[in-house]
Amino acid sequence: MALGPRLDIRQSQSLVMTPQLQQAIKLLALSNLELDAFVAGELEKNPLLDTGPDDAPVATDGIDRTVEAPTLAAESGASDDLIAQGLGAADSPLDVDHGAETFIDDGPGDRIASALGTGGGMEPIGGGYAEDAPDFDSFAAPDSSLQEHLMDQARAAMSGMDLLIASQLIGQIDEAGYLEANLLATAHGLGVPLHQVERVLGVIHGFDPTGVGARSLAECLALQAKEADRHDPCVARLLANLDLLAKGALPQLRRICGVDEEDMADMIAELRGYDPKPGLRFSASTAAPVTPDLFIRPASDGWAIEINSATLPRVLINRSYYVELSTGKQDKDSKAWLADCLASANWLVKALDQRQKTIVKVASEILRQQEGFFQKGVAHLKPLTLKAVADAIGMHESTVSRVTSNKYLSCPRGLYELKYFFTSGVAAAGGDGAVSAEAVKSHIKALISAEDPQAILSDDTLVDMLRAKGMDIARRTVAKYREAMGIGSSVQRRRQKALKGKAA
């Protein structure tokens, strides 16, 4: 057989993901707020895309009780026929307005407004502002940081080299209010004696908030005790032995401090009133509220699932603008660009509609599988996997995973991430079925919350009580779930409740 280069023709089949398919998969994993940012970018790039009117009519019921949403007009090909005939303006009503046709009113107020014929929003009364009213909160001055607050006090109390030292020290105070600087290194770096740095730090200790600039928890509490005129030798000895207080060694502490039980209880109660992290009140970081993507509420015929339309963009295709552009003079490249814009706009509308169908379908199956949770609470949460939901609705497991990521569901029991409903299981004691891990955690938390301070439940006792409830669980699993919830061991809980009893 001769060896040498040659050309061969082979025919094969392979699965190729188009850019549109890749983008549609990406849209599934986006939350409503992320989707709004994505659509905003598409609106800037595509002149044929337009946002729907804010006063679009909403169905009086507003509840999509079926999984399948109405079929888009673009899928039937009727819109393309109209455009080919130059009647793009007549196709306007066929565009899908997601806020008006697919999504749901956000509450009883929307349905009342629809019944009264006043629209979905609040109307101004007595000459008040409408929707374009100024946001008076935007005129408020921004909150100052801890460093800015301390520097304002330092400028009023010091000057010259002392102010320079204070700025160096304040710059090394963390957000909790503790000083992380080494005083000796700071003194050498500035070329000043150590006692001067210590004197400036003493001035900072007198700044607001009380306890700022401390180098340890004991020093922070001592500064607050001095401010409250409660720093006597007994309190000083107590603060020097906080490790014994954490262990609950009250008899040993009473001997060290030379006080009786009543005085020790008063001292502990005083310490509980102090702030161990005084700088956090100036923390600039604020917790961003979580916006739900879905609403589930009971209805007369079962449950109602609705999409949060308030956070969803309304996208329409401006057919009349397309007709105006296509009828004018244009070269080959312009025609190709306009055709690409129309195809991209049609795809985006279809993709958004399909995304909502998929989310509602997955949420409907989660509701069906976990109906006991929505009716009776977390104790009735069942073990559930992504594969079980995917098989039930005829989709791939990865699709369900993308749909449930970064999505939140609001129901009468609270706000939950969709991933919350997928939990592992613990075998039932009788061998029939399984119990969700979240349900087991709920039982453990309830048992520990109701335990008698004089009879703290050990992990072995918890195992016996859970098995009596029909949960076959090992002791190490109980300890793992307890630690995951931040609950201490029986020894730690006994000490904590003894301290609370003494402080009370």
Protein backbone atom coordinates (compact mmCIF):
# COMPACT_ATOMS: atom_id res chain seq x y z
CA MET A 1 0.00 0.00 0.00
CA ALA A 2 1.46 3.31 -1.07
CA LEU A 3 1.95 5.98 1.57
CA GLY A 4 1.34 9.59 0.67
CA PRO A 5 -0.96 12.59 1.13
CA ARG A 6 -4.42 12.45 -0.39
CA LEU A 7 -7.83 14.15 -0.21
CA ASP A 8 -10.94 12.27 0.95
CA ILE A 9 -14.59 13.33 1.00
CA ARG A 10 -16.61 12.11 3.96
CA GLN A 11 -20.22 12.68 4.93
CA SER A 12 -21.16 12.83 8.60
CA GLN A 13 -23.82 14.25 10.89
CA SER A 14 -23.16 16.40 13.92
CA LEU A 15 -25.16 18.60 16.24
CA VAL A 16 -24.30 22.27 15.80
CA MET A 17 -25.65 25.01 18.05
CA THR A 18 -26.51 28.12 16.12
CA PRO A 19 -25.80 31.55 17.67
CA GLN A 20 -29.54 32.02 18.16
CA LEU A 21 -29.83 28.72 20.03
CA GLN A 22 -26.86 29.58 22.21
CA GLN A 23 -28.42 32.95 23.00
CA ALA A 24 -31.78 31.33 23.82
CA ILE A 25 -30.06 28.96 26.26
CA LYS A 26 -28.31 31.94 27.82
CA LEU A 27 -31.62 33.75 28.30
CA LEU A 28 -32.98 30.84 30.36
CA ALA A 29 -30.35 31.34 33.06
CA LEU A 30 -30.92 35.11 33.37
CA SER A 31 -33.07 36.57 36.11
CA ASN A 32 -35.71 39.16 35.24
CA LEU A 33 -33.41 42.05 36.14
CA GLU A 34 -30.53 40.59 34.12
CA LEU A 35 -32.90 40.01 31.23
CA ASP A 36 -33.95 43.66 31.36
CA ALA A 37 -30.31 44.73 30.96
CA PHE A 38 -29.85 42.31 28.05
CA VAL A 39 -32.95 43.59 26.24
CA ALA A 40 -31.81 47.18 26.79
CA GLY A 41 -28.63 46.33 24.91
CA GLU A 42 -30.62 44.75 22.08
CA LEU A 43 -32.83 47.84 21.83
CA GLU A 44 -29.76 49.99 21.29
CA LYS A 45 -28.43 47.73 18.53
CA ASN A 46 -31.65 46.94 16.66
CA PRO A 47 -33.73 49.91 15.38
CA LEU A 48 -36.73 47.66 14.66
CA LEU A 49 -37.17 46.78 18.34
CA ASP A 50 -39.35 48.97 20.49
CA THR A 51 -40.61 48.87 24.05
CA GLY A 52 -44.29 48.31 24.69
CA PRO A 53 -46.46 51.15 26.01
CA ASP A 54 -46.70 51.47 29.78
CA ASP A 55 -50.49 51.73 29.59
CA ALA A 56 -50.94 48.49 27.62
CA PRO A 57 -54.20 46.74 28.45
CA VAL A 58 -53.97 43.92 30.94
CA ALA A 59 -56.37 41.01 31.19
CA THR A 60 -58.83 41.43 34.04
CA ASP A 61 -57.98 38.00 35.39
CA GLY A 62 -54.29 38.24 34.71
CA ILE A 63 -53.58 34.67 35.73
CA ASP A 64 -52.03 32.18 33.36
CA ARG A 65 -53.55 28.97 34.60
CA THR A 66 -52.14 26.88 31.77
CA VAL A 67 -48.55 26.04 31.13
CA GLU A 68 -48.65 26.77 27.41
CA ALA A 69 -48.80 30.45 26.46
CA PRO A 70 -50.58 31.68 23.29
CA THR A 71 -48.78 30.96 20.06
CA LEU A 72 -46.96 33.92 18.56
CA ALA A 73 -48.22 35.34 15.30
CA ALA A 74 -44.67 35.33 13.97
CA GLU A 75 -44.61 31.52 14.20
CA SER A 76 -47.50 31.15 11.77
CA GLY A 77 -45.83 33.14 9.02
CA ALA A 78 -48.74 35.60 8.71
CA SER A 79 -46.59 38.56 9.74
CA ASP A 80 -43.99 37.87 7.06
CA ASP A 81 -46.73 37.67 4.41
CA LEU A 82 -48.07 41.04 5.43
CA ILE A 83 -44.63 42.59 5.27
CA ALA A 84 -44.04 41.12 1.82
CA GLN A 85 -47.25 42.83 0.67
CA GLY A 86 -46.19 46.15 2.14
CA LEU A 87 -48.84 46.05 4.86
CA GLY A 88 -46.53 46.00 7.85
CA ALA A 89 -48.62 48.54 9.73
CA ALA A 90 -51.59 46.17 9.73
CA ASP A 91 -49.46 43.59 11.53
CA SER A 92 -48.99 45.71 14.63
CA PRO A 93 -51.68 44.05 16.74
CA LEU A 94 -50.11 40.66 16.09
CA ASP A 95 -46.95 41.56 18.01
CA VAL A 96 -46.75 39.98 21.41
CA ASP A 97 -46.89 42.41 24.30
CA HIS A 98 -45.49 40.39 27.15
CA GLY A 99 -46.82 42.73 29.77
CA ALA A 100 -50.34 42.64 28.37
CA GLU A 101 -50.85 39.07 27.18
CA THR A 102 -48.38 36.72 28.80
CA PHE A 103 -47.77 38.11 32.27
CA ILE A 104 -49.80 38.74 35.30
CA ASP A 105 -51.04 41.59 37.43
CA ASP A 106 -48.92 42.10 40.51
CA GLY A 107 -51.66 42.09 43.10
CA PRO A 108 -55.26 42.77 44.01
CA GLY A 109 -54.81 46.47 43.31
CA ASP A 110 -54.26 45.79 39.60
CA ARG A 111 -57.44 43.75 39.33
CA ILE A 112 -59.44 46.41 41.17
CA ALA A 113 -58.06 49.07 38.82
CA SER A 114 -59.01 46.96 35.82
CA ALA A 115 -62.54 46.49 37.14
CA LEU A 116 -62.92 50.22 37.68
CA GLY A 117 -61.43 51.00 34.29
CA THR A 118 -58.76 53.27 35.76
CA GLY A 119 -55.72 51.44 34.42
CA GLY A 120 -53.00 49.62 36.28
CA GLY A 121 -51.38 52.54 38.11
CA MET A 122 -52.29 55.09 40.74
CA GLU A 123 -53.69 58.32 39.38
CA PRO A 124 -52.68 61.69 40.85
CA ILE A 125 -55.20 63.26 43.20
CA GLY A 126 -55.51 66.94 44.00
CA GLY A 127 -52.83 68.15 41.63
CA GLY A 128 -50.22 65.65 42.83
CA TYR A 129 -47.37 64.27 40.79
CA ALA A 130 -47.86 61.56 38.20
CA GLU A 131 -45.39 58.81 37.33
CA ASP A 132 -42.70 61.33 36.46
CA ALA A 133 -42.71 62.71 40.01
CA PRO A 134 -39.28 63.62 41.38
CA ASP A 135 -37.61 61.11 43.66
CA PHE A 136 -37.08 63.09 46.85
CA ASP A 137 -34.85 60.35 48.26
CA SER A 138 -32.30 61.22 45.58
CA PHE A 139 -31.88 64.68 47.15
CA ALA A 140 -30.76 63.20 50.48
CA ALA A 141 -27.07 63.50 51.28
CA PRO A 142 -25.17 60.22 51.02
CA ASP A 143 -24.27 58.56 54.30
CA SER A 144 -20.70 59.22 55.39
CA SER A 145 -18.36 56.29 55.88
CA LEU A 146 -16.74 55.42 59.18
CA GLN A 147 -13.39 56.89 58.08
CA GLU A 148 -15.02 60.16 56.98
CA HIS A 149 -16.94 60.40 60.26
CA LEU A 150 -13.75 59.85 62.27
CA MET A 151 -11.70 62.30 60.18
CA ASP A 152 -14.30 65.03 60.71
CA GLN A 153 -13.86 64.57 64.47
CA ALA A 154 -10.07 64.39 64.15
CA ARG A 155 -9.90 67.72 62.26
CA ALA A 156 -11.93 69.35 65.03
CA ALA A 157 -9.78 67.91 67.83
CA MET A 158 -6.22 67.87 66.40
CA SER A 159 -3.88 69.62 64.00
CA GLY A 160 -0.35 69.36 62.67
CA MET A 161 1.55 66.11 63.21
CA ASP A 162 -1.17 64.73 65.50
CA LEU A 163 -3.69 65.06 62.69
CA LEU A 164 -1.32 63.27 60.31
CA ILE A 165 -0.88 60.41 62.80
CA ALA A 166 -4.64 60.25 63.31
CA SER A 167 -5.24 60.01 59.54
CA GLN A 168 -2.77 57.13 59.34
CA LEU A 169 -4.48 55.27 62.18
CA ILE A 170 -8.01 55.97 60.97
CA GLY A 171 -7.09 54.67 57.52
CA GLN A 172 -6.23 51.31 59.11
CA ILE A 173 -9.49 50.89 61.03
CA ASP A 174 -11.65 48.15 59.51
CA GLU A 175 -15.39 48.38 58.87
CA ALA A 176 -16.16 46.85 62.29
CA GLY A 177 -14.26 49.68 64.00
CA TYR A 178 -11.12 47.77 65.04
CA LEU A 179 -7.60 49.08 64.52
CA GLU A 180 -5.43 46.76 62.43
CA ALA A 181 -2.27 48.87 62.55
CA ASN A 182 0.93 48.12 64.43
CA LEU A 183 1.66 51.19 66.54
CA LEU A 184 5.42 50.68 66.57
CA ALA A 185 5.55 50.30 62.77
CA THR A 186 3.36 53.40 62.38
CA ALA A 187 5.67 55.40 64.67
CA HIS A 188 8.77 54.32 62.71
CA GLY A 189 7.08 55.05 59.40
CA LEU A 190 6.16 58.60 60.43
CA GLY A 191 9.37 59.24 62.34
CA VAL A 192 7.63 60.09 65.61
CA PRO A 193 7.98 58.60 69.11
CA LEU A 194 5.73 55.71 70.07
CA HIS A 195 4.17 57.56 73.00
CA GLN A 196 2.87 60.25 70.63
CA VAL A 197 1.12 57.63 68.48
CA GLU A 198 -0.38 56.07 71.63
CA ARG A 199 -1.57 59.49 72.80
CA VAL A 200 -3.29 60.17 69.44
CA LEU A 201 -4.91 56.72 69.60
CA GLY A 202 -6.22 57.61 73.03
CA VAL A 203 -7.90 60.66 71.52
CA ILE A 204 -9.45 58.49 68.78
CA HIS A 205 -10.81 56.19 71.47
CA GLY A 206 -12.94 59.09 72.62
CA PHE A 207 -14.54 59.58 69.21
CA ASP A 208 -18.00 58.51 68.19
CA PRO A 209 -18.95 55.65 67.98
CA THR A 210 -17.75 54.59 71.40
CA GLY A 211 -15.32 51.69 71.18
CA VAL A 212 -13.85 52.61 67.81
CA GLY A 213 -10.11 52.13 67.35
CA ALA A 214 -9.92 49.22 69.76
CA ARG A 215 -7.41 46.45 69.08
CA SER A 216 -9.39 43.64 70.70
CA LEU A 217 -12.89 42.81 71.80
CA ALA A 218 -11.94 43.29 75.45
CA GLU A 219 -10.59 46.79 74.74
CA CYS A 220 -13.70 47.68 72.70
CA LEU A 221 -16.02 46.65 75.54
CA ALA A 222 -13.77 48.38 78.09
CA LEU A 223 -14.04 51.68 76.21
CA GLN A 224 -17.83 51.41 76.21
CA ALA A 225 -17.84 50.50 79.90
CA LYS A 226 -15.74 53.58 80.67
CA GLU A 227 -18.14 55.73 78.66
CA ALA A 228 -21.03 54.34 80.72
CA ASP A 229 -19.02 54.82 83.97
CA ARG A 230 -19.21 51.09 84.72
CA HIS A 231 -15.54 50.19 84.35
CA ASP A 232 -14.58 49.12 87.86
CA PRO A 233 -11.92 46.53 88.85
CA CYS A 234 -14.50 43.71 88.77
CA VAL A 235 -15.55 44.53 85.21
CA ALA A 236 -11.88 44.87 84.21
CA ARG A 237 -11.16 41.36 85.50
CA LEU A 238 -14.24 40.05 83.71
CA LEU A 239 -13.12 41.61 80.43
CA ALA A 240 -9.66 40.11 80.89
CA ASN A 241 -11.24 36.64 81.05
CA LEU A 242 -13.78 36.70 78.23
CA ASP A 243 -12.65 33.22 77.20
CA LEU A 244 -13.99 31.85 80.49
CA LEU A 245 -17.25 33.71 79.92
CA ALA A 246 -17.56 32.12 76.48
CA LYS A 247 -17.09 28.69 78.06
CA GLY A 248 -19.73 29.43 80.69
CA ALA A 249 -17.32 28.98 83.59
CA LEU A 250 -19.33 31.23 85.89
CA PRO A 251 -18.11 29.82 89.24
CA GLN A 252 -14.50 30.41 88.21
CA LEU A 253 -15.34 33.91 87.01
CA ARG A 254 -17.06 34.76 90.28
CA ARG A 255 -13.91 33.75 92.18
CA ILE A 256 -11.67 35.80 89.87
CA CYS A 257 -13.91 38.89 90.01
CA GLY A 258 -14.76 38.51 93.69
CA VAL A 259 -18.51 38.96 93.22
CA ASP A 260 -21.62 36.99 94.03
CA GLU A 261 -24.16 35.53 91.57
CA GLU A 262 -26.33 38.65 91.50
CA ASP A 263 -23.42 40.99 90.72
CA MET A 264 -22.10 38.61 88.06
CA ALA A 265 -25.54 38.52 86.41
CA ASP A 266 -25.64 42.33 86.39
CA MET A 267 -22.16 42.53 84.83
CA ILE A 268 -23.05 40.03 82.12
CA ALA A 269 -26.28 41.91 81.36
CA GLU A 270 -24.27 45.13 81.08
CA LEU A 271 -21.85 43.56 78.60
CA ARG A 272 -24.72 42.28 76.49
CA GLY A 273 -25.88 45.86 76.02
CA TYR A 274 -22.58 46.93 74.44
CA ASP A 275 -21.84 46.86 70.70
CA PRO A 276 -18.97 44.48 69.84
CA LYS A 277 -18.68 45.97 66.33
CA PRO A 278 -19.38 49.70 66.67
CA GLY A 279 -18.18 50.57 63.16
CA LEU A 280 -20.83 48.54 61.34
CA ARG A 281 -23.45 51.23 61.84
CA PHE A 282 -21.50 53.29 59.28
CA SER A 283 -21.14 50.42 56.83
CA ALA A 284 -21.90 51.63 53.30
CA SER A 285 -22.92 48.21 52.05
CA THR A 286 -26.66 47.70 52.06
CA ALA A 287 -28.41 44.44 51.38
CA ALA A 288 -30.05 44.57 47.98
CA PRO A 289 -33.67 43.40 48.09
CA VAL A 290 -34.43 40.23 46.18
CA THR A 291 -37.07 40.68 43.50
CA PRO A 292 -39.19 37.58 42.86
CA ASP A 293 -39.49 36.29 39.31
CA LEU A 294 -42.65 34.29 40.01
CA PHE A 295 -45.71 34.60 42.21
CA ILE A 296 -47.69 31.62 43.50
CA ARG A 297 -50.92 32.19 45.38
CA PRO A 298 -53.97 30.08 46.19
CA ALA A 299 -56.95 30.39 43.87
CA SER A 300 -60.49 29.09 43.88
CA ASP A 301 -59.57 26.21 41.57
CA GLY A 302 -56.15 25.37 43.05
CA TRP A 303 -53.05 27.49 42.66
CA ALA A 304 -52.26 30.46 40.42
CA ILE A 305 -48.79 30.92 38.92
CA GLU A 306 -47.90 34.32 37.59
CA ILE A 307 -44.80 35.97 36.18
CA ASN A 308 -43.61 39.19 37.80
CA SER A 309 -44.32 41.52 34.89
CA ALA A 310 -43.03 44.56 36.79
CA THR A 311 -39.41 43.49 36.23
CA LEU A 312 -39.81 42.22 32.67
CA PRO A 313 -39.11 44.28 29.54
CA ARG A 314 -41.89 44.73 26.99
CA VAL A 315 -40.54 44.16 23.51
CA LEU A 316 -42.36 44.83 20.23
CA ILE A 317 -41.31 44.87 16.59
CA ASN A 318 -41.89 48.22 14.92
CA ARG A 319 -43.42 46.93 11.67
CA SER A 320 -44.36 50.35 10.35
CA TYR A 321 -40.78 51.55 10.70
CA TYR A 322 -39.60 48.45 8.84
CA VAL A 323 -42.01 49.18 5.97
CA GLU A 324 -40.81 52.77 5.86
CA LEU A 325 -37.18 51.69 5.62
CA SER A 326 -37.77 48.87 3.14
CA THR A 327 -39.76 51.01 0.66
CA GLY A 328 -37.02 53.58 0.28
CA LYS A 329 -34.00 53.40 -1.97
CA GLN A 330 -31.30 51.16 -0.62
CA ASP A 331 -28.38 49.12 -1.85
CA LYS A 332 -27.75 45.42 -1.45
CA ASP A 333 -25.87 45.78 1.85
CA SER A 334 -28.65 47.92 3.35
CA LYS A 335 -31.27 45.34 2.38
CA ALA A 336 -29.21 42.56 3.96
CA TRP A 337 -28.72 44.60 7.14
CA LEU A 338 -32.44 45.36 7.38
CA ALA A 339 -33.31 41.70 6.85
CA ASP A 340 -30.87 40.71 9.61
CA CYS A 341 -32.44 43.25 11.97
CA LEU A 342 -35.92 41.87 11.27
CA ALA A 343 -34.78 38.28 11.76
CA SER A 344 -33.01 39.19 14.99
CA ALA A 345 -36.07 41.04 16.28
CA ASN A 346 -38.37 38.14 15.43
CA TRP A 347 -36.01 35.73 17.11
CA LEU A 348 -35.81 37.82 20.29
CA VAL A 349 -39.61 38.02 20.61
CA LYS A 350 -39.89 34.26 20.10
CA ALA A 351 -37.06 33.55 22.54
CA LEU A 352 -38.59 35.73 25.26
CA ASP A 353 -41.96 34.06 24.80
CA GLN A 354 -40.42 30.59 24.89
CA ARG A 355 -38.45 31.53 28.00
CA GLN A 356 -41.63 32.47 29.84
CA LYS A 357 -43.36 29.27 28.72
CA THR A 358 -40.46 27.20 30.01
CA ILE A 359 -40.29 29.01 33.37
CA VAL A 360 -44.03 28.61 33.96
CA LYS A 361 -43.87 24.94 32.93
CA VAL A 362 -41.02 24.20 35.37
CA ALA A 363 -42.68 26.18 38.17
CA SER A 364 -45.96 24.32 37.58
CA GLU A 365 -44.22 20.98 37.97
CA ILE A 366 -42.40 22.14 41.12
CA LEU A 367 -45.76 23.25 42.51
CA ARG A 368 -47.28 19.87 41.70
CA GLN A 369 -44.39 17.94 43.24
CA GLN A 370 -44.11 20.13 46.35
CA GLU A 371 -47.75 21.02 46.93
CA GLY A 372 -47.47 19.77 50.51
CA PHE A 373 -44.90 22.49 51.23
CA PHE A 374 -47.13 25.26 49.89
CA GLN A 375 -50.11 23.97 51.88
CA LYS A 376 -48.52 22.87 55.19
CA GLY A 377 -44.96 24.19 55.39
CA VAL A 378 -41.34 23.09 55.19
CA ALA A 379 -41.93 19.96 57.27
CA HIS A 380 -43.77 18.52 54.25
CA LEU A 381 -41.05 19.27 51.71
CA LYS A 382 -40.28 16.18 49.61
CA PRO A 383 -36.96 15.06 48.13
CA LEU A 384 -36.78 16.30 44.56
CA THR A 385 -34.16 16.20 41.81
CA LEU A 386 -33.72 18.12 38.59
CA LYS A 387 -34.03 14.89 36.64
CA ALA A 388 -37.44 14.13 38.14
CA VAL A 389 -38.79 17.50 37.00
CA ALA A 390 -37.11 17.23 33.62
CA ASP A 391 -38.62 13.79 32.97
CA ALA A 392 -42.08 14.97 34.03
CA ILE A 393 -42.16 17.92 31.63
CA GLY A 394 -40.18 16.32 28.79
CA MET A 395 -37.12 18.54 28.94
CA HIS A 396 -33.42 18.01 29.49
CA GLU A 397 -32.03 18.18 33.00
CA SER A 398 -29.63 20.99 32.04
CA THR A 399 -32.58 23.09 30.83
CA VAL A 400 -34.31 22.75 34.19
CA SER A 401 -31.06 23.67 35.92
CA ARG A 402 -30.77 26.87 33.87
CA VAL A 403 -34.40 27.79 34.48
CA THR A 404 -34.10 27.41 38.26
CA SER A 405 -30.82 29.31 38.63
CA ASN A 406 -31.02 32.92 39.86
CA LYS A 407 -34.83 32.77 39.99
CA TYR A 408 -36.92 33.46 43.07
CA LEU A 409 -40.47 32.50 43.87
CA SER A 410 -42.81 34.40 46.16
CA CYS A 411 -45.64 32.53 47.87
CA PRO A 412 -47.71 33.00 51.04
CA ARG A 413 -44.95 31.24 53.01
CA GLY A 414 -42.21 33.62 51.93
CA LEU A 415 -39.60 34.18 49.26
CA TYR A 416 -37.60 31.15 48.08
CA GLU A 417 -35.05 30.43 45.39
CA LEU A 418 -36.26 27.80 42.94
CA LYS A 419 -33.20 25.71 43.78
CA TYR A 420 -34.51 25.49 47.36
CA PHE A 421 -37.15 22.96 46.32
CA PHE A 422 -34.53 20.49 45.07
CA THR A 423 -33.22 18.71 48.15
CA SER A 424 -31.70 15.37 49.01
CA GLY A 425 -33.66 12.81 50.98
CA VAL A 426 -33.41 10.88 54.23
CA ALA A 427 -34.82 7.37 54.31
CA ALA A 428 -38.06 6.89 56.20
CA ALA A 429 -37.99 4.63 59.25
CA GLY A 430 -40.49 2.19 57.76
CA GLY A 431 -38.56 1.94 54.50
CA ASP A 432 -41.38 3.56 52.52
CA GLY A 433 -40.31 6.69 50.65
CA ALA A 434 -37.98 9.37 51.95
CA VAL A 435 -38.05 12.67 53.80
CA SER A 436 -36.46 15.88 52.51
CA ALA A 437 -33.28 17.06 54.19
CA GLU A 438 -34.85 20.51 54.66
CA ALA A 439 -37.81 18.88 56.41
CA VAL A 440 -35.42 17.05 58.75
CA LYS A 441 -33.61 20.32 59.51
CA SER A 442 -36.95 21.91 60.28
CA HIS A 443 -37.81 19.16 62.74
CA ILE A 444 -34.38 19.42 64.41
CA LYS A 445 -34.71 23.19 64.78
CA ALA A 446 -38.22 22.88 66.22
CA LEU A 447 -37.14 20.24 68.76
CA ILE A 448 -34.14 22.28 69.91
CA SER A 449 -36.18 25.49 70.13
CA ALA A 450 -38.71 23.77 72.40
CA GLU A 451 -36.17 21.99 74.63
CA ASP A 452 -36.19 22.55 78.40
CA PRO A 453 -33.17 24.56 79.64
CA GLN A 454 -32.87 22.01 82.44
CA ALA A 455 -32.97 19.05 80.04
CA ILE A 456 -30.92 19.90 76.94
CA LEU A 457 -31.38 17.41 74.10
CA SER A 458 -28.27 15.53 73.02
CA ASP A 459 -27.74 14.36 69.43
CA ASP A 460 -28.58 10.79 70.47
CA THR A 461 -31.85 11.97 71.98
CA LEU A 462 -32.64 13.91 68.81
CA VAL A 463 -32.02 10.75 66.76
CA ASP A 464 -34.49 8.80 68.90
CA MET A 465 -37.12 11.55 68.65
CA LEU A 466 -36.71 11.84 64.87
CA ARG A 467 -36.98 8.09 64.44
CA ALA A 468 -40.18 8.19 66.42
CA LYS A 469 -41.43 10.65 63.80
CA GLY A 470 -40.57 8.17 61.04
CA MET A 471 -37.12 9.43 59.97
CA ASP A 472 -34.29 6.91 59.80
CA ILE A 473 -31.30 9.14 60.45
CA ALA A 474 -27.84 8.63 61.92
CA ARG A 475 -26.31 10.64 64.74
CA ARG A 476 -23.57 12.09 62.53
CA THR A 477 -26.24 13.33 60.10
CA VAL A 478 -28.06 15.09 62.94
CA ALA A 479 -24.79 16.73 64.00
CA LYS A 480 -24.09 17.79 60.39
CA TYR A 481 -27.54 19.35 59.92
CA ARG A 482 -27.36 21.04 63.33
CA GLU A 483 -23.98 22.61 62.56
CA ALA A 484 -25.20 23.69 59.10
CA MET A 485 -28.00 25.67 60.80
CA GLY A 486 -25.52 27.30 63.19
CA ILE A 487 -26.86 25.50 66.27
CA GLY A 488 -24.31 24.55 68.92
CA SER A 489 -23.86 21.21 70.61
CA SER A 490 -25.76 20.23 73.74
CA VAL A 491 -22.84 21.41 75.91
CA GLN A 492 -22.70 24.79 74.17
CA ARG A 493 -26.47 25.26 74.36
CA ARG A 494 -26.48 24.37 78.05
CA ARG A 495 -23.86 27.06 78.72
CA GLN A 496 -25.65 29.64 76.60
CA LYS A 497 -28.99 29.07 78.33
CA ALA A 498 -27.30 29.15 81.73
CA LEU A 499 -25.79 32.54 80.85
CA LYS A 500 -29.16 33.82 79.65
CA GLY A 501 -30.75 32.63 82.85
CA LYS A 502 -28.13 34.42 84.94
CA ALA A 503 -28.45 37.62 82.87
CA ALA A 504 -32.22 37.55 83.17
